[in-house]
Amino acid sequence: MKQSEFVEALAAKHGLTQKMAGEILDSFWDLIVADVKKGDEVDFSYGKFILVKKAAHEGRNPLTGEHIKIVAKVVPQFKAGKKFKDAVAK
């Protein structure tokens, strides 16, 4: 499902305009991004959004075989919760 399809379904389910549903979805993501960016976890019963620190390490270019240094970085991650896993498994 694409974002536009999700917004359309959300609007239809709750009797909203597509513009209102899109604004709600954008606000939802803005709040999650702001908290995760601060280093906080956003925890729902379906899972949680967290930041994971990846250490610097040495990698290899698969085409040339050349060894390269990969810098440390912080990446966002979603960890599915039991409620989400159980719902999908049904």
Protein backbone atom coordinates (compact mmCIF):
# COMPACT_ATOMS: atom_id res chain seq x y z
CA MET A 1 0.00 0.00 0.00
CA LYS A 2 1.37 3.38 -0.97
CA GLN A 3 1.06 6.45 1.23
CA SER A 4 -1.62 7.99 -0.99
CA GLU A 5 -3.68 4.78 -0.77
CA PHE A 6 -3.22 4.73 3.00
CA VAL A 7 -4.40 8.35 3.29
CA GLU A 8 -7.42 7.55 1.12
CA ALA A 9 -8.35 4.52 3.25
CA LEU A 10 -7.84 6.48 6.49
CA ALA A 11 -10.07 9.29 5.22
CA ALA A 12 -12.80 6.88 4.12
CA LYS A 13 -12.74 4.92 7.39
CA HIS A 14 -13.06 7.99 9.61
CA GLY A 15 -15.15 10.30 7.42
CA LEU A 16 -12.32 12.79 6.84
CA THR A 17 -11.21 14.62 3.76
CA GLN A 18 -8.06 13.27 2.16
CA LYS A 19 -6.31 16.54 3.01
CA MET A 20 -7.18 16.17 6.72
CA ALA A 21 -6.11 12.52 6.75
CA GLY A 22 -2.83 13.45 5.04
CA GLU A 23 -2.17 16.19 7.60
CA ILE A 24 -2.84 13.76 10.46
CA LEU A 25 -0.44 11.22 8.97
CA ASP A 26 2.23 13.89 8.42
CA SER A 27 1.82 15.07 12.04
CA PHE A 28 2.11 11.48 13.25
CA TRP A 29 5.44 11.03 11.46
CA ASP A 30 6.70 14.49 12.50
CA LEU A 31 6.13 13.61 16.16
CA ILE A 32 7.86 10.23 15.81
CA VAL A 33 10.84 11.73 13.94
CA ALA A 34 11.25 14.53 16.50
CA ASP A 35 11.28 12.15 19.47
CA VAL A 36 13.54 9.55 17.84
CA LYS A 37 15.90 12.31 16.71
CA LYS A 38 16.22 13.39 20.36
CA GLY A 39 17.23 9.81 21.23
CA ASP A 40 13.89 8.84 22.77
CA GLU A 41 12.06 5.63 21.95
CA VAL A 42 8.52 5.85 20.59
CA ASP A 43 6.80 2.77 21.96
CA PHE A 44 3.40 1.50 20.77
CA SER A 45 1.74 -1.84 21.49
CA TYR A 46 2.48 -2.78 17.87
CA GLY A 47 6.19 -1.98 18.11
CA LYS A 48 8.66 0.77 18.77
CA PHE A 49 10.75 3.23 16.81
CA ILE A 50 14.35 3.54 18.03
CA LEU A 51 17.77 4.81 17.00
CA VAL A 52 20.53 2.22 16.63
CA LYS A 53 24.20 3.18 16.73
CA LYS A 54 26.29 1.36 14.11
CA ALA A 55 30.00 1.21 14.92
CA ALA A 56 32.68 2.09 12.39
CA HIS A 57 34.07 -0.96 10.65
CA GLU A 58 35.99 -2.11 7.64
CA GLY A 59 34.11 -3.24 4.58
CA ARG A 60 34.98 -4.45 1.11
CA ASN A 61 33.95 -3.19 -2.29
CA PRO A 62 32.42 -6.30 -3.91
CA LEU A 63 33.42 -5.20 -7.42
CA THR A 64 37.08 -4.43 -6.81
CA GLY A 65 37.79 -6.28 -3.57
CA GLU A 66 39.25 -3.04 -2.17
CA HIS A 67 38.99 -2.63 1.61
CA ILE A 68 37.18 0.53 2.69
CA LYS A 69 36.42 2.18 6.03
CA ILE A 70 32.75 2.55 6.87
CA VAL A 71 32.10 5.39 9.29
CA ALA A 72 30.01 5.09 12.44
CA LYS A 73 26.42 6.22 12.04
CA VAL A 74 23.05 6.29 13.73
CA VAL A 75 20.11 4.73 11.89
CA PRO A 76 16.38 4.58 12.67
CA GLN A 77 14.81 1.19 13.24
CA PHE A 78 11.34 -0.23 13.88
CA LYS A 79 11.09 -3.26 16.14
CA ALA A 80 7.79 -5.08 15.71
CA GLY A 81 5.99 -5.90 18.95
CA LYS A 82 4.23 -9.11 19.89
CA LYS A 83 0.79 -7.65 19.12
CA PHE A 84 1.87 -6.77 15.56
CA LYS A 85 3.60 -10.12 15.00
CA ASP A 86 0.55 -12.03 16.23
CA ALA A 87 -1.83 -9.97 14.08
CA VAL A 88 0.23 -10.57 10.94
CA ALA A 89 0.65 -14.30 11.63
CA LYS A 90 -3.12 -14.92 11.67
